[in-house]
Amino acid sequence: MTILLLGLVLFLGVHSARIVGEGPRQAFIAKHGANAWKGVYTPVSLAGFALIVWGYGLARHEPVVLWTVPVGMRHLAALLTLPAFVMITAAYVPGNGIKAKLRHPMMIGVKTWALAHLVANNTLADVLLFGGFLAWSVAAFIAARKRDRAQGTTYPPGRVDRTIVTVAVGTAAWAAFAFWLHAWLIGVRPIG
Protein backbone atom coordinates (compact mmCIF):
# COMPACT_ATOMS: atom_id res chain seq x y z
CA MET A 1 0.00 0.00 0.00
CA THR A 2 2.98 2.29 0.63
CA ILE A 3 3.94 2.31 -3.05
CA LEU A 4 0.38 3.20 -4.08
CA LEU A 5 0.28 6.02 -1.53
CA LEU A 6 3.66 7.36 -2.64
CA GLY A 7 2.49 7.30 -6.27
CA LEU A 8 -0.70 9.16 -5.38
CA VAL A 9 1.23 11.76 -3.40
CA LEU A 10 3.63 12.38 -6.31
CA PHE A 11 1.06 12.29 -9.12
CA LEU A 12 -1.77 14.19 -7.43
CA GLY A 13 0.70 16.42 -5.62
CA VAL A 14 2.31 17.75 -8.78
CA HIS A 15 -1.14 18.02 -10.38
CA SER A 16 -2.22 20.13 -7.40
CA ALA A 17 0.21 22.96 -8.12
CA ARG A 18 -2.60 25.05 -9.60
CA ILE A 19 -4.80 24.31 -6.58
CA VAL A 20 -2.44 25.19 -3.74
CA GLY A 21 0.49 26.98 -5.38
CA GLU A 22 -0.61 28.94 -8.43
CA GLY A 23 1.48 31.95 -7.39
CA PRO A 24 4.76 30.04 -6.97
CA ARG A 25 3.99 28.05 -10.13
CA GLN A 26 3.54 31.24 -12.16
CA ALA A 27 6.66 32.77 -10.60
CA PHE A 28 8.68 29.68 -11.55
CA ILE A 29 7.36 29.81 -15.12
CA ALA A 30 8.06 33.56 -15.36
CA LYS A 31 11.63 33.09 -14.15
CA HIS A 32 12.58 29.81 -15.88
CA GLY A 33 10.02 29.39 -18.68
CA ALA A 34 7.19 26.96 -19.37
CA ASN A 35 9.56 24.29 -20.68
CA ALA A 36 11.47 24.27 -17.40
CA TRP A 37 8.19 23.80 -15.53
CA LYS A 38 7.29 20.92 -17.84
CA GLY A 39 10.77 19.51 -17.27
CA VAL A 40 10.01 19.22 -13.55
CA TYR A 41 6.31 18.40 -13.82
CA THR A 42 6.53 15.64 -16.44
CA PRO A 43 9.04 13.27 -14.80
CA VAL A 44 7.37 13.66 -11.39
CA SER A 45 3.99 12.89 -12.99
CA LEU A 46 5.35 9.86 -14.83
CA ALA A 47 7.08 8.54 -11.71
CA GLY A 48 3.89 9.01 -9.71
CA PHE A 49 1.82 7.27 -12.37
CA ALA A 50 4.23 4.34 -12.54
CA LEU A 51 4.14 3.97 -8.75
CA ILE A 52 0.31 4.10 -8.78
CA VAL A 53 0.14 1.32 -11.36
CA TRP A 54 2.72 -0.79 -9.55
CA GLY A 55 1.29 -0.12 -6.08
CA TYR A 56 -2.31 -0.79 -7.11
CA GLY A 57 -1.23 -4.02 -8.81
CA LEU A 58 0.53 -5.14 -5.65
CA ALA A 59 -2.46 -4.22 -3.49
CA ARG A 60 -4.76 -6.32 -5.67
CA HIS A 61 -2.76 -9.45 -4.72
CA GLU A 62 -3.69 -9.07 -1.04
CA PRO A 63 -6.90 -7.01 -1.04
CA VAL A 64 -8.31 -5.51 2.14
CA VAL A 65 -12.04 -5.88 1.47
CA LEU A 66 -14.14 -3.19 3.14
CA TRP A 67 -17.70 -4.10 2.03
CA THR A 68 -19.71 -6.24 -0.36
CA VAL A 69 -20.54 -4.64 -3.70
CA PRO A 70 -24.01 -5.34 -5.13
CA VAL A 71 -23.81 -6.77 -8.68
CA GLY A 72 -25.75 -3.83 -10.13
CA MET A 73 -23.01 -1.40 -9.15
CA ARG A 74 -20.79 -2.86 -11.85
CA HIS A 75 -23.40 -1.97 -14.45
CA LEU A 76 -23.82 1.51 -12.96
CA ALA A 77 -20.07 2.04 -13.14
CA ALA A 78 -19.98 1.01 -16.80
CA LEU A 79 -22.80 3.46 -17.52
CA LEU A 80 -21.21 6.34 -15.57
CA THR A 81 -17.91 5.97 -17.38
CA LEU A 82 -19.57 6.76 -20.73
CA PRO A 83 -20.19 10.45 -19.89
CA ALA A 84 -16.80 10.52 -18.17
CA PHE A 85 -15.09 9.55 -21.44
CA VAL A 86 -17.13 12.13 -23.36
CA MET A 87 -16.25 14.89 -20.87
CA ILE A 88 -12.56 14.02 -20.90
CA THR A 89 -12.65 14.07 -24.71
CA ALA A 90 -14.36 17.48 -24.55
CA ALA A 91 -11.30 18.88 -22.80
CA TYR A 92 -9.26 18.25 -25.97
CA VAL A 93 -11.63 19.00 -28.87
CA PRO A 94 -11.53 22.76 -29.49
CA GLY A 95 -14.78 24.67 -29.93
CA ASN A 96 -17.19 22.02 -28.64
CA GLY A 97 -20.37 22.89 -26.76
CA ILE A 98 -19.62 20.61 -23.82
CA LYS A 99 -16.48 22.54 -22.92
CA ALA A 100 -18.30 25.83 -23.51
CA LYS A 101 -21.00 24.79 -21.05
CA LEU A 102 -18.98 22.94 -18.39
CA ARG A 103 -15.77 25.02 -18.76
CA HIS A 104 -13.61 22.35 -17.14
CA PRO A 105 -14.87 19.03 -18.49
CA MET A 106 -11.63 17.19 -17.65
CA MET A 107 -12.16 17.63 -13.92
CA ILE A 108 -15.84 16.71 -14.19
CA GLY A 109 -14.90 13.65 -16.25
CA VAL A 110 -12.33 12.56 -13.68
CA LYS A 111 -14.89 13.07 -10.88
CA THR A 112 -17.40 10.91 -12.73
CA TRP A 113 -14.79 8.23 -13.52
CA ALA A 114 -13.61 8.11 -9.90
CA LEU A 115 -17.14 7.98 -8.51
CA ALA A 116 -18.04 5.17 -10.93
CA HIS A 117 -15.09 3.13 -9.74
CA LEU A 118 -15.80 3.84 -6.06
CA VAL A 119 -19.35 2.44 -6.32
CA ALA A 120 -18.15 -0.70 -8.12
CA ASN A 121 -15.08 -1.57 -6.04
CA ASN A 122 -14.65 -2.43 -2.40
CA THR A 123 -11.05 -2.61 -1.26
CA LEU A 124 -8.87 -0.23 0.68
CA ALA A 125 -6.68 0.25 -2.41
CA ASP A 126 -9.78 1.21 -4.43
CA VAL A 127 -10.81 3.76 -1.82
CA LEU A 128 -7.32 5.26 -1.77
CA LEU A 129 -6.94 5.33 -5.56
CA PHE A 130 -10.40 6.41 -6.68
CA GLY A 131 -11.16 8.41 -3.55
CA GLY A 132 -7.88 10.28 -4.02
CA PHE A 133 -8.71 11.12 -7.63
CA LEU A 134 -12.24 12.14 -6.64
CA ALA A 135 -11.00 14.48 -3.90
CA TRP A 136 -8.35 15.94 -6.21
CA SER A 137 -10.81 16.54 -9.06
CA VAL A 138 -13.28 18.31 -6.76
CA ALA A 139 -10.52 20.59 -5.44
CA ALA A 140 -9.11 21.18 -8.94
CA PHE A 141 -12.55 22.08 -10.30
CA ILE A 142 -13.18 24.56 -7.48
CA ALA A 143 -9.74 26.14 -7.98
CA ALA A 144 -10.22 26.38 -11.75
CA ARG A 145 -13.62 28.05 -11.40
CA LYS A 146 -12.13 30.47 -8.85
CA ARG A 147 -9.31 31.35 -11.29
CA ASP A 148 -11.87 31.88 -14.06
CA ARG A 149 -13.82 34.33 -11.90
CA ALA A 150 -10.68 36.17 -10.76
CA GLN A 151 -9.37 36.50 -14.32
CA GLY A 152 -12.76 37.15 -15.94
CA THR A 153 -12.30 34.15 -18.22
CA THR A 154 -15.05 33.61 -20.77
CA TYR A 155 -15.56 30.60 -23.00
CA PRO A 156 -16.76 30.97 -26.60
CA PRO A 157 -19.95 29.14 -27.52
CA GLY A 158 -19.41 25.68 -28.92
CA ARG A 159 -20.13 24.54 -32.44
CA VAL A 160 -22.58 21.72 -33.08
CA ASP A 161 -20.26 19.87 -35.48
CA ARG A 162 -17.43 19.86 -32.95
CA THR A 163 -19.78 18.76 -30.19
CA ILE A 164 -20.94 15.84 -32.34
CA VAL A 165 -17.30 14.89 -32.98
CA THR A 166 -16.60 15.11 -29.24
CA VAL A 167 -19.50 12.82 -28.35
CA ALA A 168 -18.63 10.36 -31.13
CA VAL A 169 -14.94 10.14 -30.22
CA GLY A 170 -15.68 9.92 -26.48
CA THR A 171 -18.26 7.18 -27.06
CA ALA A 172 -15.92 5.23 -29.33
CA ALA A 173 -13.10 5.49 -26.78
CA TRP A 174 -15.48 4.35 -24.03
CA ALA A 175 -16.66 1.38 -26.10
CA ALA A 176 -13.09 0.32 -26.94
CA PHE A 177 -12.12 0.54 -23.30
CA ALA A 178 -15.28 -1.03 -21.87
CA PHE A 179 -15.40 -3.96 -24.26
CA TRP A 180 -11.67 -4.72 -24.78
CA LEU A 181 -8.98 -2.51 -23.32
CA HIS A 182 -10.08 -2.55 -19.66
CA ALA A 183 -9.88 -6.37 -19.59
CA TRP A 184 -6.54 -6.35 -21.41
CA LEU A 185 -4.92 -3.59 -19.32
CA ILE A 186 -6.60 -4.00 -15.93
CA GLY A 187 -7.70 -7.63 -16.00
CA VAL A 188 -11.37 -6.84 -15.31
CA ARG A 189 -14.09 -7.00 -17.99
CA PRO A 190 -16.67 -4.30 -17.14
CA ILE A 191 -19.01 -5.33 -19.96
CA GLY A 192 -19.43 -8.74 -21.51
C-alpha atoms as a PDB file:
ATOM      1  CA  MET A   1       0.000   0.000   0.000  1.00  0.00           C
ATOM      2  CA  THR A   2       2.975   2.286   0.632  1.00  0.00           C
ATOM      3  CA  ILE A   3       3.943   2.313  -3.055  1.00  0.00           C
ATOM      4  CA  LEU A   4       0.384   3.203  -4.085  1.00  0.00           C
ATOM      5  CA  LEU A   5       0.279   6.015  -1.530  1.00  0.00           C
ATOM      6  CA  LEU A   6       3.661   7.361  -2.643  1.00  0.00           C
ATOM      7  CA  GLY A   7       2.492   7.303  -6.266  1.00  0.00           C
ATOM      8  CA  LEU A   8      -0.703   9.163  -5.380  1.00  0.00           C
ATOM      9  CA  VAL A   9       1.227  11.765  -3.403  1.00  0.00           C
ATOM     10  CA  LEU A  10       3.627  12.376  -6.306  1.00  0.00           C
ATOM     11  CA  PHE A  11       1.055  12.294  -9.121  1.00  0.00           C
ATOM     12  CA  LEU A  12      -1.768  14.190  -7.434  1.00  0.00           C
ATOM     13  CA  GLY A  13       0.701  16.418  -5.618  1.00  0.00           C
ATOM     14  CA  VAL A  14       2.313  17.751  -8.779  1.00  0.00           C
ATOM     15  CA  HIS A  15      -1.142  18.022 -10.382  1.00  0.00           C
ATOM     16  CA  SER A  16      -2.219  20.130  -7.396  1.00  0.00           C
ATOM     17  CA  ALA A  17       0.210  22.964  -8.115  1.00  0.00           C
ATOM     18  CA  ARG A  18      -2.604  25.049  -9.604  1.00  0.00           C
ATOM     19  CA  ILE A  19      -4.799  24.309  -6.582  1.00  0.00           C
ATOM     20  CA  VAL A  20      -2.441  25.194  -3.736  1.00  0.00           C
ATOM     21  CA  GLY A  21       0.486  26.976  -5.376  1.00  0.00           C
ATOM     22  CA  GLU A  22      -0.608  28.937  -8.430  1.00  0.00           C
ATOM     23  CA  GLY A  23       1.479  31.950  -7.393  1.00  0.00           C
ATOM     24  CA  PRO A  24       4.764  30.045  -6.967  1.00  0.00           C
ATOM     25  CA  ARG A  25       3.993  28.046 -10.133  1.00  0.00           C
ATOM     26  CA  GLN A  26       3.541  31.237 -12.156  1.00  0.00           C
ATOM     27  CA  ALA A  27       6.660  32.772 -10.603  1.00  0.00           C
ATOM     28  CA  PHE A  28       8.684  29.676 -11.546  1.00  0.00           C
ATOM     29  CA  ILE A  29       7.364  29.812 -15.123  1.00  0.00           C
ATOM     30  CA  ALA A  30       8.063  33.563 -15.355  1.00  0.00           C
ATOM     31  CA  LYS A  31      11.634  33.086 -14.145  1.00  0.00           C
ATOM     32  CA  HIS A  32      12.575  29.813 -15.880  1.00  0.00           C
ATOM     33  CA  GLY A  33      10.021  29.388 -18.679  1.00  0.00           C
ATOM     34  CA  ALA A  34       7.189  26.965 -19.373  1.00  0.00           C
ATOM     35  CA  ASN A  35       9.558  24.286 -20.676  1.00  0.00           C
ATOM     36  CA  ALA A  36      11.470  24.274 -17.399  1.00  0.00           C
ATOM     37  CA  TRP A  37       8.191  23.798 -15.527  1.00  0.00           C
ATOM     38  CA  LYS A  38       7.291  20.917 -17.842  1.00  0.00           C
ATOM     39  CA  GLY A  39      10.775  19.512 -17.267  1.00  0.00           C
ATOM     40  CA  VAL A  40      10.012  19.225 -13.546  1.00  0.00           C
ATOM     41  CA  TYR A  41       6.308  18.400 -13.821  1.00  0.00           C
ATOM     42  CA  THR A  42       6.526  15.636 -16.436  1.00  0.00           C
ATOM     43  CA  PRO A  43       9.041  13.269 -14.796  1.00  0.00           C
ATOM     44  CA  VAL A  44       7.371  13.657 -11.390  1.00  0.00           C
ATOM     45  CA  SER A  45       3.986  12.894 -12.992  1.00  0.00           C
ATOM     46  CA  LEU A  46       5.349   9.864 -14.831  1.00  0.00           C
ATOM     47  CA  ALA A  47       7.082   8.537 -11.714  1.00  0.00           C
ATOM     48  CA  GLY A  48       3.892   9.014  -9.706  1.00  0.00           C
ATOM     49  CA  PHE A  49       1.817   7.273 -12.367  1.00  0.00           C
ATOM     50  CA  ALA A  50       4.233   4.340 -12.542  1.00  0.00           C
ATOM     51  CA  LEU A  51       4.139   3.972  -8.750  1.00  0.00           C
ATOM     52  CA  ILE A  52       0.313   4.104  -8.778  1.00  0.00           C
ATOM     53  CA  VAL A  53       0.136   1.325 -11.364  1.00  0.00           C
ATOM     54  CA  TRP A  54       2.719  -0.787  -9.549  1.00  0.00           C
ATOM     55  CA  GLY A  55       1.289  -0.121  -6.080  1.00  0.00           C
ATOM     56  CA  TYR A  56      -2.306  -0.788  -7.114  1.00  0.00           C
ATOM     57  CA  GLY A  57      -1.225  -4.017  -8.813  1.00  0.00           C
ATOM     58  CA  LEU A  58       0.533  -5.141  -5.651  1.00  0.00           C
ATOM     59  CA  ALA A  59      -2.457  -4.218  -3.490  1.00  0.00           C
ATOM     60  CA  ARG A  60      -4.765  -6.319  -5.674  1.00  0.00           C
ATOM     61  CA  HIS A  61      -2.759  -9.454  -4.720  1.00  0.00           C
ATOM     62  CA  GLU A  62      -3.692  -9.070  -1.036  1.00  0.00           C
ATOM     63  CA  PRO A  63      -6.896  -7.007  -1.042  1.00  0.00           C
ATOM     64  CA  VAL A  64      -8.313  -5.514   2.140  1.00  0.00           C
ATOM     65  CA  VAL A  65     -12.039  -5.883   1.470  1.00  0.00           C
ATOM     66  CA  LEU A  66     -14.145  -3.195   3.141  1.00  0.00           C
ATOM     67  CA  TRP A  67     -17.698  -4.095   2.028  1.00  0.00           C
ATOM     68  CA  THR A  68     -19.706  -6.243  -0.364  1.00  0.00           C
ATOM     69  CA  VAL A  69     -20.544  -4.637  -3.698  1.00  0.00           C
ATOM     70  CA  PRO A  70     -24.015  -5.340  -5.133  1.00  0.00           C
ATOM     71  CA  VAL A  71     -23.806  -6.770  -8.675  1.00  0.00           C
ATOM     72  CA  GLY A  72     -25.746  -3.827 -10.131  1.00  0.00           C
ATOM     73  CA  MET A  73     -23.009  -1.401  -9.151  1.00  0.00           C
ATOM     74  CA  ARG A  74     -20.785  -2.857 -11.852  1.00  0.00           C
ATOM     75  CA  HIS A  75     -23.397  -1.973 -14.454  1.00  0.00           C
ATOM     76  CA  LEU A  76     -23.823   1.510 -12.964  1.00  0.00           C
ATOM     77  CA  ALA A  77     -20.066   2.043 -13.145  1.00  0.00           C
ATOM     78  CA  ALA A  78     -19.979   1.010 -16.799  1.00  0.00           C
ATOM     79  CA  LEU A  79     -22.801   3.457 -17.518  1.00  0.00           C
ATOM     80  CA  LEU A  80     -21.209   6.336 -15.575  1.00  0.00           C
ATOM     81  CA  THR A  81     -17.914   5.968 -17.378  1.00  0.00           C
ATOM     82  CA  LEU A  82     -19.573   6.763 -20.728  1.00  0.00           C
ATOM     83  CA  PRO A  83     -20.191  10.455 -19.890  1.00  0.00           C
ATOM     84  CA  ALA A  84     -16.795  10.517 -18.168  1.00  0.00           C
ATOM     85  CA  PHE A  85     -15.087   9.552 -21.442  1.00  0.00           C
ATOM     86  CA  VAL A  86     -17.130  12.129 -23.361  1.00  0.00           C
ATOM     87  CA  MET A  87     -16.251  14.893 -20.874  1.00  0.00           C
ATOM     88  CA  ILE A  88     -12.562  14.016 -20.897  1.00  0.00           C
ATOM     89  CA  THR A  89     -12.650  14.068 -24.709  1.00  0.00           C
ATOM     90  CA  ALA A  90     -14.360  17.478 -24.552  1.00  0.00           C
ATOM     91  CA  ALA A  91     -11.298  18.882 -22.799  1.00  0.00           C
ATOM     92  CA  TYR A  92      -9.257  18.254 -25.967  1.00  0.00           C
ATOM     93  CA  VAL A  93     -11.626  19.000 -28.866  1.00  0.00           C
ATOM     94  CA  PRO A  94     -11.532  22.758 -29.487  1.00  0.00           C
ATOM     95  CA  GLY A  95     -14.778  24.665 -29.934  1.00  0.00           C
ATOM     96  CA  ASN A  96     -17.191  22.021 -28.640  1.00  0.00           C
ATOM     97  CA  GLY A  97     -20.368  22.885 -26.761  1.00  0.00           C
ATOM     98  CA  ILE A  98     -19.618  20.606 -23.818  1.00  0.00           C
ATOM     99  CA  LYS A  99     -16.483  22.539 -22.923  1.00  0.00           C
ATOM    100  CA  ALA A 100     -18.301  25.830 -23.510  1.00  0.00           C
ATOM    101  CA  LYS A 101     -20.997  24.792 -21.052  1.00  0.00           C
ATOM    102  CA  LEU A 102     -18.977  22.944 -18.393  1.00  0.00           C
ATOM    103  CA  ARG A 103     -15.772  25.019 -18.759  1.00  0.00           C
ATOM    104  CA  HIS A 104     -13.607  22.353 -17.139  1.00  0.00           C
ATOM    105  CA  PRO A 105     -14.870  19.035 -18.487  1.00  0.00           C
ATOM    106  CA  MET A 106     -11.629  17.193 -17.653  1.00  0.00           C
ATOM    107  CA  MET A 107     -12.158  17.627 -13.923  1.00  0.00           C
ATOM    108  CA  ILE A 108     -15.845  16.709 -14.186  1.00  0.00           C
ATOM    109  CA  GLY A 109     -14.904  13.646 -16.249  1.00  0.00           C
ATOM    110  CA  VAL A 110     -12.329  12.558 -13.676  1.00  0.00           C
ATOM    111  CA  LYS A 111     -14.887  13.070 -10.877  1.00  0.00           C
ATOM    112  CA  THR A 112     -17.401  10.910 -12.731  1.00  0.00           C
ATOM    113  CA  TRP A 113     -14.790   8.234 -13.525  1.00  0.00           C
ATOM    114  CA  ALA A 114     -13.605   8.111  -9.899  1.00  0.00           C
ATOM    115  CA  LEU A 115     -17.143   7.976  -8.506  1.00  0.00           C
ATOM    116  CA  ALA A 116     -18.044   5.174 -10.928  1.00  0.00           C
ATOM    117  CA  HIS A 117     -15.093   3.131  -9.736  1.00  0.00           C
ATOM    118  CA  LEU A 118     -15.805   3.836  -6.057  1.00  0.00           C
ATOM    119  CA  VAL A 119     -19.347   2.444  -6.316  1.00  0.00           C
ATOM    120  CA  ALA A 120     -18.154  -0.698  -8.118  1.00  0.00           C
ATOM    121  CA  ASN A 121     -15.082  -1.565  -6.044  1.00  0.00           C
ATOM    122  CA  ASN A 122     -14.655  -2.432  -2.402  1.00  0.00           C
ATOM    123  CA  THR A 123     -11.050  -2.610  -1.258  1.00  0.00           C
ATOM    124  CA  LEU A 124      -8.867  -0.232   0.679  1.00  0.00           C
ATOM    125  CA  ALA A 125      -6.675   0.249  -2.406  1.00  0.00           C
ATOM    126  CA  ASP A 126      -9.779   1.213  -4.428  1.00  0.00           C
ATOM    127  CA  VAL A 127     -10.813   3.759  -1.817  1.00  0.00           C
ATOM    128  CA  LEU A 128      -7.315   5.262  -1.769  1.00  0.00           C
ATOM    129  CA  LEU A 129      -6.940   5.334  -5.563  1.00  0.00           C
ATOM    130  CA  PHE A 130     -10.401   6.406  -6.684  1.00  0.00           C
ATOM    131  CA  GLY A 131     -11.155   8.413  -3.549  1.00  0.00           C
ATOM    132  CA  GLY A 132      -7.878  10.282  -4.021  1.00  0.00           C
ATOM    133  CA  PHE A 133      -8.712  11.122  -7.626  1.00  0.00           C
ATOM    134  CA  LEU A 134     -12.244  12.145  -6.643  1.00  0.00           C
ATOM    135  CA  ALA A 135     -11.003  14.484  -3.905  1.00  0.00           C
ATOM    136  CA  TRP A 136      -8.349  15.937  -6.214  1.00  0.00           C
ATOM    137  CA  SER A 137     -10.807  16.543  -9.064  1.00  0.00           C
ATOM    138  CA  VAL A 138     -13.284  18.307  -6.764  1.00  0.00           C
ATOM    139  CA  ALA A 139     -10.520  20.594  -5.437  1.00  0.00           C
ATOM    140  CA  ALA A 140      -9.113  21.178  -8.939  1.00  0.00           C
ATOM    141  CA  PHE A 141     -12.546  22.078 -10.301  1.00  0.00           C
ATOM    142  CA  ILE A 142     -13.185  24.564  -7.483  1.00  0.00           C
ATOM    143  CA  ALA A 143      -9.737  26.135  -7.979  1.00  0.00           C
ATOM    144  CA  ALA A 144     -10.218  26.382 -11.755  1.00  0.00           C
ATOM    145  CA  ARG A 145     -13.620  28.049 -11.400  1.00  0.00           C
ATOM    146  CA  LYS A 146     -12.126  30.469  -8.847  1.00  0.00           C
ATOM    147  CA  ARG A 147      -9.311  31.346 -11.289  1.00  0.00           C
ATOM    148  CA  ASP A 148     -11.871  31.877 -14.058  1.00  0.00           C
ATOM    149  CA  ARG A 149     -13.825  34.332 -11.901  1.00  0.00           C
ATOM    150  CA  ALA A 150     -10.677  36.168 -10.756  1.00  0.00           C
ATOM    151  CA  GLN A 151      -9.374  36.497 -14.322  1.00  0.00           C
ATOM    152  CA  GLY A 152     -12.761  37.152 -15.937  1.00  0.00           C
ATOM    153  CA  THR A 153     -12.303  34.147 -18.223  1.00  0.00           C
ATOM    154  CA  THR A 154     -15.054  33.612 -20.767  1.00  0.00           C
ATOM    155  CA  TYR A 155     -15.564  30.600 -23.001  1.00  0.00           C
ATOM    156  CA  PRO A 156     -16.758  30.972 -26.597  1.00  0.00           C
ATOM    157  CA  PRO A 157     -19.947  29.138 -27.524  1.00  0.00           C
ATOM    158  CA  GLY A 158     -19.413  25.680 -28.921  1.00  0.00           C
ATOM    159  CA  ARG A 159     -20.130  24.543 -32.438  1.00  0.00           C
ATOM    160  CA  VAL A 160     -22.584  21.723 -33.084  1.00  0.00           C
ATOM    161  CA  ASP A 161     -20.264  19.865 -35.477  1.00  0.00           C
ATOM    162  CA  ARG A 162     -17.428  19.857 -32.947  1.00  0.00           C
ATOM    163  CA  THR A 163     -19.776  18.763 -30.188  1.00  0.00           C
ATOM    164  CA  ILE A 164     -20.938  15.836 -32.338  1.00  0.00           C
ATOM    165  CA  VAL A 165     -17.301  14.886 -32.981  1.00  0.00           C
ATOM    166  CA  THR A 166     -16.604  15.110 -29.238  1.00  0.00           C
ATOM    167  CA  VAL A 167     -19.504  12.818 -28.347  1.00  0.00           C
ATOM    168  CA  ALA A 168     -18.628  10.357 -31.132  1.00  0.00           C
ATOM    169  CA  VAL A 169     -14.938  10.143 -30.224  1.00  0.00           C
ATOM    170  CA  GLY A 170     -15.678   9.917 -26.481  1.00  0.00           C
ATOM    171  CA  THR A 171     -18.259   7.182 -27.055  1.00  0.00           C
ATOM    172  CA  ALA A 172     -15.921   5.228 -29.334  1.00  0.00           C
ATOM    173  CA  ALA A 173     -13.101   5.494 -26.781  1.00  0.00           C
ATOM    174  CA  TRP A 174     -15.479   4.347 -24.026  1.00  0.00           C
ATOM    175  CA  ALA A 175     -16.662   1.376 -26.102  1.00  0.00           C
ATOM    176  CA  ALA A 176     -13.093   0.317 -26.937  1.00  0.00           C
ATOM    177  CA  PHE A 177     -12.116   0.544 -23.302  1.00  0.00           C
ATOM    178  CA  ALA A 178     -15.280  -1.030 -21.869  1.00  0.00           C
ATOM    179  CA  PHE A 179     -15.402  -3.963 -24.262  1.00  0.00           C
ATOM    180  CA  TRP A 180     -11.674  -4.721 -24.779  1.00  0.00           C
ATOM    181  CA  LEU A 181      -8.976  -2.511 -23.321  1.00  0.00           C
ATOM    182  CA  HIS A 182     -10.080  -2.555 -19.660  1.00  0.00           C
ATOM    183  CA  ALA A 183      -9.881  -6.368 -19.593  1.00  0.00           C
ATOM    184  CA  TRP A 184      -6.539  -6.355 -21.415  1.00  0.00           C
ATOM    185  CA  LEU A 185      -4.916  -3.594 -19.323  1.00  0.00           C
ATOM    186  CA  ILE A 186      -6.604  -4.005 -15.933  1.00  0.00           C
ATOM    187  CA  GLY A 187      -7.699  -7.633 -15.999  1.00  0.00           C
ATOM    188  CA  VAL A 188     -11.368  -6.841 -15.310  1.00  0.00           C
ATOM    189  CA  ARG A 189     -14.092  -7.000 -17.992  1.00  0.00           C
ATOM    190  CA  PRO A 190     -16.668  -4.304 -17.139  1.00  0.00           C
ATOM    191  CA  ILE A 191     -19.010  -5.335 -19.962  1.00  0.00           C
ATOM    192  CA  GLY A 192     -19.434  -8.742 -21.509  1.00  0.00           C
END
